[in-house]
């Protein structure tokens, strides 16, 4: 028998909103919790649009997705879960001791009594720009997402792509950058109609349709892109454009490796979802799902709904590993675990009157 300290009550795969809130709630339910996240940072899909404003969470004033990540991450750490980042789960099996064994691409094995899949639509990696030397500029001024738009102030920014992400970034940067070039290989943009109209009306944005990036020109040190060569498909001619920053929005590759490498019976539903009941239970005892990855009748694809998913799934996991436990946790206003934690908050909100 392995050492007890190596075994977790619940292991959560994915650190987006579902995984992070699930970690908080499983800690509230006194479960020994581990999170495994493929990326080096927490936040899941929110990390691909950190500066977009989130409106649809009850009681939370509109805020950038990056700020929401900060708050969710802080909340997730309330009960000190173990967090492993930069690891991809590539295998999921059950051993003779009836523990789930999760093997990662680092060769590490994680042991757990229950598993919560909070994997969203799978591991998302941006489609890279397929040009010579493109990779070496990823550390300077070639980007696949924009973490800090204000750093683009007064710059010449080129965005390649014609979908919602590319159009949203162009509109966001229009009042910040000196000039925004939107390059798209087709003749018609495919984003939301209102956003496309806004883009086309902007004096700061130059739209280059039927156009592709043919080459990157580096500076004298070879450390940054200083210009790109564009090719117009209809006129079949090339033009050189001086830029300061290049943003690529060519979509994402998606993978869920444990679908192919598990012996417990987890299968994809409608390509990349996981079929559950309304309480987050999958067809495999001890494995639960929450957030974008879970699909059941009445499912609503909102961040707000993700939190309910996580609560239900964790409660089911608690009952699975400890059948005599209650079927739900005590609400925070009555929960003794928060008595000490509430004291500085009471001082802040009611004594000092801070918001």
Protein backbone atom coordinates (compact mmCIF):
# COMPACT_ATOMS: atom_id res chain seq x y z
CA UNK A 1 0.00 0.00 0.00
CA UNK A 2 1.39 3.42 -0.94
CA UNK A 3 1.90 6.13 1.60
CA UNK A 4 -1.31 7.89 2.62
CA UNK A 5 0.06 11.34 1.89
CA UNK A 6 0.34 10.44 -1.81
CA UNK A 7 -3.40 9.80 -2.13
CA UNK A 8 -5.90 12.59 -2.74
CA UNK A 9 -9.62 12.51 -2.17
CA UNK A 10 -10.21 14.34 -5.43
CA UNK A 11 -7.96 15.35 -8.30
CA UNK A 12 -9.21 18.08 -10.59
CA UNK A 13 -7.96 18.13 -14.17
CA UNK A 14 -8.08 21.71 -15.42
CA UNK A 15 -7.76 25.08 -13.69
CA UNK A 16 -10.37 27.18 -15.44
CA UNK A 17 -13.40 28.57 -13.57
CA UNK A 18 -14.90 25.09 -12.99
CA UNK A 19 -11.66 23.61 -11.69
CA UNK A 20 -10.76 26.58 -9.50
CA UNK A 21 -14.18 26.87 -7.88
CA UNK A 22 -14.27 23.09 -7.56
CA UNK A 23 -11.00 23.24 -5.62
CA UNK A 24 -12.45 25.83 -3.25
CA UNK A 25 -15.63 23.86 -2.68
CA UNK A 26 -13.88 20.50 -2.23
CA UNK A 27 -11.70 22.14 0.41
CA UNK A 28 -14.85 23.39 2.09
CA UNK A 29 -16.06 19.78 2.08
CA UNK A 30 -12.79 18.77 3.81
CA UNK A 31 -11.47 16.84 0.84
CA UNK A 32 -7.76 16.54 0.19
CA UNK A 33 -7.54 18.20 -3.21
CA UNK A 34 -5.10 18.39 -6.10
CA UNK A 35 -5.36 20.41 -9.33
CA UNK A 36 -3.44 19.38 -12.45
CA UNK A 37 -3.22 22.06 -15.14
CA UNK A 38 -1.52 21.75 -18.53
CA UNK A 39 -0.57 25.43 -18.75
CA UNK A 40 1.99 27.06 -16.49
CA UNK A 41 -0.65 29.53 -15.31
CA UNK A 42 -4.16 29.13 -13.93
CA UNK A 43 -7.31 30.35 -15.61
CA UNK A 44 -8.10 27.91 -18.41
CA UNK A 45 -9.74 29.43 -21.47
CA UNK A 46 -9.95 32.81 -19.70
CA UNK A 47 -6.21 33.21 -20.29
CA UNK A 48 -6.87 33.57 -24.04
CA UNK A 49 -8.86 36.78 -23.52
CA UNK A 50 -7.61 38.31 -20.27
CA UNK A 51 -8.64 41.87 -21.20
CA UNK A 52 -12.18 41.10 -22.32
CA UNK A 53 -14.81 42.30 -19.90
CA UNK A 54 -16.93 39.63 -18.18
CA UNK A 55 -20.51 40.69 -17.47
CA UNK A 56 -22.54 37.56 -16.89
CA UNK A 57 -21.72 36.45 -13.33
CA UNK A 58 -24.38 37.26 -10.77
CA UNK A 59 -23.40 39.85 -8.18
CA UNK A 60 -19.98 40.48 -9.73
CA UNK A 61 -19.44 43.88 -11.32
CA UNK A 62 -18.03 43.75 -14.87
CA UNK A 63 -14.31 43.03 -14.83
CA UNK A 64 -11.54 41.89 -17.19
CA UNK A 65 -11.15 38.13 -17.47
CA UNK A 66 -7.61 38.48 -16.11
CA UNK A 67 -8.95 40.02 -12.89
CA UNK A 68 -11.50 37.22 -12.61
CA UNK A 69 -8.64 34.71 -12.90
CA UNK A 70 -6.86 36.43 -10.01
CA UNK A 71 -9.95 36.28 -7.80
CA UNK A 72 -10.81 32.69 -8.69
CA UNK A 73 -7.21 31.61 -8.09
CA UNK A 74 -7.11 33.30 -4.70
CA UNK A 75 -10.41 31.69 -3.73
CA UNK A 76 -9.21 28.27 -4.95
CA UNK A 77 -6.24 28.44 -2.58
CA UNK A 78 -8.44 29.06 0.50
CA UNK A 79 -8.01 25.49 1.77
CA UNK A 80 -4.47 24.96 0.41
CA UNK A 81 -4.97 22.46 -2.40
CA UNK A 82 -1.92 21.00 -4.11
CA UNK A 83 -1.52 22.64 -7.52
CA UNK A 84 0.56 21.05 -10.29
CA UNK A 85 0.99 23.23 -13.39
CA UNK A 86 2.76 22.52 -16.66
CA UNK A 87 1.59 18.90 -16.68
CA UNK A 88 -0.66 17.20 -19.23
CA UNK A 89 -2.63 14.15 -18.14
CA UNK A 90 -2.04 11.53 -20.83
CA UNK A 91 -3.36 8.41 -19.12
CA UNK A 92 -6.16 7.56 -16.69
CA UNK A 93 -6.46 4.06 -15.23
CA UNK A 94 -7.64 2.39 -12.05
CA UNK A 95 -5.26 0.22 -10.03
CA UNK A 96 -5.92 -2.89 -7.95
CA UNK A 97 -6.47 -0.72 -4.88
CA UNK A 98 -9.37 0.97 -6.70
CA UNK A 99 -7.55 4.28 -6.91
CA UNK A 100 -7.46 6.35 -10.06
CA UNK A 101 -3.93 6.72 -11.42
CA UNK A 102 -3.31 9.79 -13.56
CA UNK A 103 -0.05 9.77 -15.50
CA UNK A 104 1.24 13.02 -16.99
CA UNK A 105 3.61 13.86 -19.81
CA UNK A 106 6.26 14.53 -17.15
CA UNK A 107 6.20 10.85 -16.21
CA UNK A 108 4.57 11.61 -12.85
CA UNK A 109 1.77 9.52 -11.40
CA UNK A 110 -1.00 11.06 -9.31
CA UNK A 111 -3.28 8.90 -7.15
CA UNK A 112 -6.83 9.84 -6.30
CA UNK A 113 -10.06 8.38 -4.92
CA UNK A 114 -12.17 10.52 -7.28
CA UNK A 115 -11.52 12.63 -10.38
CA UNK A 116 -13.19 15.84 -11.52
CA UNK A 117 -12.79 16.61 -15.21
CA UNK A 118 -12.82 20.39 -15.65
CA UNK A 119 -11.07 20.28 -18.99
CA UNK A 120 -13.33 22.64 -20.93
CA UNK A 121 -13.18 21.85 -24.63
CA UNK A 122 -9.81 20.19 -24.13
CA UNK A 123 -6.26 21.49 -24.15
CA UNK A 124 -6.21 24.50 -26.44
CA UNK A 125 -2.97 25.45 -28.16
CA UNK A 126 -2.87 28.25 -30.74
CA UNK A 127 -2.18 27.43 -34.35
CA UNK A 128 1.33 28.76 -34.88
CA UNK A 129 2.40 30.98 -37.75
CA UNK A 130 4.03 28.64 -40.26
CA UNK A 131 6.87 30.83 -41.48
CA UNK A 132 10.66 30.54 -41.14
CA UNK A 133 12.03 32.05 -37.91
CA UNK A 134 8.52 32.79 -36.56
CA UNK A 135 9.19 30.89 -33.34
CA UNK A 136 12.19 33.01 -32.34
CA UNK A 137 10.02 36.14 -32.29
CA UNK A 138 7.49 34.65 -29.85
CA UNK A 139 9.58 35.98 -26.98
CA UNK A 140 9.48 39.56 -28.26
CA UNK A 141 6.77 40.92 -30.55
CA UNK A 142 4.93 37.93 -32.07
CA UNK A 143 1.88 37.09 -29.97
CA UNK A 144 -0.94 34.54 -29.96
CA UNK A 145 -2.94 36.42 -27.35
CA UNK A 146 -2.72 39.90 -25.87
CA UNK A 147 -2.17 39.94 -22.13
CA UNK A 148 -1.53 43.68 -21.72
CA UNK A 149 -3.23 45.79 -24.41
CA UNK A 150 -1.98 49.04 -22.88
CA UNK A 151 1.55 48.02 -23.90
CA UNK A 152 0.40 48.45 -27.52
CA UNK A 153 -0.21 52.16 -26.97
CA UNK A 154 1.04 54.28 -29.87
CA UNK A 155 2.31 51.23 -31.80
CA UNK A 156 1.66 49.82 -35.25
CA UNK A 157 -0.05 46.50 -34.65
CA UNK A 158 -0.85 43.86 -37.25
CA UNK A 159 -3.46 41.19 -36.47
CA UNK A 160 -3.81 38.12 -38.69
CA UNK A 161 -7.20 36.40 -38.63
CA UNK A 162 -10.82 36.99 -39.53
CA UNK A 163 -12.82 35.45 -36.70
CA UNK A 164 -14.29 36.88 -33.52
CA UNK A 165 -11.01 36.93 -31.59
CA UNK A 166 -9.11 38.84 -34.27
CA UNK A 167 -11.94 41.32 -34.74
CA UNK A 168 -12.39 41.85 -30.99
CA UNK A 169 -8.67 42.52 -30.52
CA UNK A 170 -8.64 44.95 -33.43
CA UNK A 171 -11.58 46.90 -31.99
CA UNK A 172 -10.03 46.88 -28.52
CA UNK A 173 -6.71 48.22 -29.80
CA UNK A 174 -8.18 50.80 -32.19
CA UNK A 175 -8.28 53.63 -29.59
CA UNK A 176 -4.92 52.56 -28.09
CA UNK A 177 -2.60 51.83 -31.01
CA UNK A 178 -1.31 54.27 -33.60
CA UNK A 179 -2.43 51.95 -36.39
CA UNK A 180 -4.07 48.51 -36.57
CA UNK A 181 -3.79 46.30 -39.65
CA UNK A 182 -6.22 43.38 -39.85
CA UNK A 183 -5.02 40.79 -42.36
CA UNK A 184 -7.35 37.99 -43.47
CA UNK A 185 -6.89 35.44 -46.24
CA UNK A 186 -10.55 35.46 -47.32
CA UNK A 187 -12.70 38.23 -48.73
CA UNK A 188 -15.26 38.38 -45.93
CA UNK A 189 -14.80 38.56 -42.16
CA UNK A 190 -16.68 35.96 -40.12
CA UNK A 191 -17.14 37.67 -36.76
CA UNK A 192 -20.27 39.06 -35.12
CA UNK A 193 -22.01 41.52 -37.44
CA UNK A 194 -22.01 44.45 -35.01
CA UNK A 195 -18.29 44.05 -34.27
CA UNK A 196 -17.45 43.78 -37.96
CA UNK A 197 -19.38 47.00 -38.64
CA UNK A 198 -17.55 48.73 -35.80
CA UNK A 199 -14.21 47.57 -37.19
CA UNK A 200 -14.95 48.73 -40.73
CA UNK A 201 -15.99 52.16 -39.44
CA UNK A 202 -12.82 52.72 -37.41
CA UNK A 203 -10.34 55.25 -38.87
CA UNK A 204 -7.49 53.52 -37.03
CA UNK A 205 -8.02 50.05 -38.53
CA UNK A 206 -6.91 49.13 -42.04
CA UNK A 207 -8.55 45.94 -43.24
CA UNK A 208 -6.53 43.84 -45.70
CA UNK A 209 -8.77 41.09 -47.10
CA UNK A 210 -7.71 38.33 -49.51
CA UNK A 211 -4.26 38.84 -48.04
CA UNK A 212 -1.73 36.59 -46.31
CA UNK A 213 1.56 37.11 -44.47
CA UNK A 214 4.32 35.79 -46.73
CA UNK A 215 7.46 36.64 -44.74
CA UNK A 216 8.77 38.26 -41.57
CA UNK A 217 11.60 40.78 -41.64
CA UNK A 218 13.66 41.07 -38.49
CA UNK A 219 15.57 44.05 -37.16
CA UNK A 220 19.34 44.32 -37.42
CA UNK A 221 19.79 42.33 -34.19
CA UNK A 222 17.37 39.64 -35.38
CA UNK A 223 15.45 39.88 -32.13
CA UNK A 224 12.19 41.52 -33.25
CA UNK A 225 9.97 41.75 -36.30
CA UNK A 226 10.23 45.20 -37.87
CA UNK A 227 8.19 44.54 -41.02
CA UNK A 228 6.12 41.89 -42.78
CA UNK A 229 5.64 41.04 -46.42
CA UNK A 230 1.97 40.77 -47.38
CA UNK A 231 0.69 39.07 -50.48
CA UNK A 232 -2.63 40.06 -52.02
CA UNK A 233 -4.34 36.99 -53.41
CA UNK A 234 -6.45 38.81 -56.01
CA UNK A 235 -3.80 41.17 -57.34
CA UNK A 236 -0.99 38.65 -56.77
CA UNK A 237 1.46 41.31 -55.60
CA UNK A 238 3.54 41.80 -52.48
CA UNK A 239 3.84 44.81 -50.21
CA UNK A 240 6.11 45.52 -47.24
CA UNK A 241 4.49 46.94 -44.09
CA UNK A 242 6.42 48.32 -41.10
CA UNK A 243 5.01 47.14 -37.77
CA UNK A 244 5.86 47.08 -34.08
CA UNK A 245 3.74 44.12 -32.95
CA UNK A 246 2.25 41.05 -34.67
CA UNK A 247 -0.74 39.16 -33.29
CA UNK A 248 -1.78 35.80 -34.77
CA UNK A 249 -5.37 34.57 -34.35
CA UNK A 250 -5.53 31.49 -36.58
CA UNK A 251 -7.58 29.38 -34.22
CA UNK A 252 -6.68 26.64 -31.76
CA UNK A 253 -5.78 22.98 -31.82
CA UNK A 254 -7.76 20.92 -29.34
CA UNK A 255 -6.75 17.68 -27.64
CA UNK A 256 -8.07 15.48 -24.85
CA UNK A 257 -5.43 12.76 -24.61
CA UNK A 258 -7.04 10.81 -21.79
CA UNK A 259 -9.99 9.97 -24.07
CA UNK A 260 -7.60 7.78 -26.06
CA UNK A 261 -5.54 6.59 -23.11
CA UNK A 262 -7.88 5.45 -20.39
CA UNK A 263 -9.03 2.02 -19.33
CA UNK A 264 -11.87 3.20 -17.11
CA UNK A 265 -14.45 3.78 -19.84
CA UNK A 266 -14.55 7.56 -20.32
CA UNK A 267 -15.59 8.43 -23.88
CA UNK A 268 -16.22 11.74 -25.66
CA UNK A 269 -19.80 12.81 -26.24
CA UNK A 270 -20.46 14.78 -29.44
CA UNK A 271 -16.75 14.99 -30.20
CA UNK A 272 -15.34 16.71 -27.10
CA UNK A 273 -17.98 16.87 -24.36
CA UNK A 274 -18.39 14.41 -21.49
CA UNK A 275 -21.92 13.14 -20.92
CA UNK A 276 -23.07 13.57 -17.30
CA UNK A 277 -26.29 13.71 -15.36
CA UNK A 278 -27.40 17.05 -13.96
CA UNK A 279 -25.24 16.45 -10.87
CA UNK A 280 -21.99 16.03 -12.76
CA UNK A 281 -21.72 12.24 -12.53
CA UNK A 282 -20.35 10.46 -15.60
CA UNK A 283 -21.04 6.89 -16.63
CA UNK A 284 -17.92 5.86 -14.69
CA UNK A 285 -18.26 5.68 -10.90
CA UNK A 286 -15.85 8.08 -9.22
CA UNK A 287 -15.35 10.32 -12.25
CA UNK A 288 -17.24 13.60 -12.48
CA UNK A 289 -17.26 16.55 -14.85
CA UNK A 290 -18.07 20.26 -14.58
CA UNK A 291 -17.98 23.38 -16.70
CA UNK A 292 -17.69 23.44 -20.49
CA UNK A 293 -16.62 19.79 -20.61
CA UNK A 294 -19.88 18.52 -19.05
CA UNK A 295 -23.00 18.09 -21.14
CA UNK A 296 -26.46 17.24 -19.81
CA UNK A 297 -30.06 18.20 -20.49
CA UNK A 298 -30.63 21.85 -19.56
CA UNK A 299 -26.92 22.74 -19.65
CA UNK A 300 -26.19 26.47 -19.94
CA UNK A 301 -22.76 27.44 -21.29
CA UNK A 302 -22.09 30.37 -18.98
CA UNK A 303 -19.39 30.93 -16.38
CA UNK A 304 -22.19 31.43 -13.84
CA UNK A 305 -23.48 27.92 -14.55
CA UNK A 306 -19.97 26.52 -14.19
CA UNK A 307 -19.99 27.24 -10.44
CA UNK A 308 -23.18 25.24 -9.91
CA UNK A 309 -21.68 22.41 -11.96
CA UNK A 310 -18.61 22.37 -9.73
CA UNK A 311 -20.65 22.34 -6.52
CA UNK A 312 -22.82 19.46 -7.72
CA UNK A 313 -19.86 17.43 -8.96
CA UNK A 314 -17.88 17.90 -5.75
CA UNK A 315 -20.87 16.93 -3.61
CA UNK A 316 -21.28 13.78 -5.68
CA UNK A 317 -17.57 13.01 -5.31
CA UNK A 318 -17.80 13.49 -1.54
CA UNK A 319 -20.69 11.02 -1.35
CA UNK A 320 -18.78 8.58 -3.56
CA UNK A 321 -15.69 8.45 -1.34
CA UNK A 322 -17.57 8.91 1.95
CA UNK A 323 -21.14 7.56 1.66
CA UNK A 324 -22.07 8.61 5.20
CA UNK A 325 -21.22 12.28 4.57
CA UNK A 326 -23.95 14.83 4.00
CA UNK A 327 -24.95 15.41 0.41
CA UNK A 328 -23.93 19.08 0.45
CA UNK A 329 -21.75 21.56 2.30
CA UNK A 330 -22.89 24.16 4.81
CA UNK A 331 -23.47 27.62 3.33
CA UNK A 332 -20.75 30.16 4.09
CA UNK A 333 -22.87 32.41 6.34
CA UNK A 334 -23.30 29.50 8.77
CA UNK A 335 -20.05 27.66 8.24
CA UNK A 336 -17.65 27.60 11.18
CA UNK A 337 -14.67 27.25 8.81
CA UNK A 338 -15.06 30.93 7.96
CA UNK A 339 -15.26 32.30 11.51
CA UNK A 340 -11.59 33.25 11.68
CA UNK A 341 -11.39 34.24 8.02
CA UNK A 342 -14.38 36.57 8.44
CA UNK A 343 -12.80 38.71 11.18
CA UNK A 344 -10.55 40.86 8.94
CA UNK A 345 -13.38 41.14 6.41
CA UNK A 346 -15.81 42.37 9.05
CA UNK A 347 -13.19 44.93 10.09
CA UNK A 348 -12.76 46.00 6.45
CA UNK A 349 -16.40 46.25 5.41
CA UNK A 350 -18.25 47.24 8.57
CA UNK A 351 -15.72 48.97 10.82
CA UNK A 352 -13.53 50.76 8.28
CA UNK A 353 -16.32 51.04 5.71
CA UNK A 354 -14.13 50.04 2.76
CA UNK A 355 -15.62 48.71 -0.45
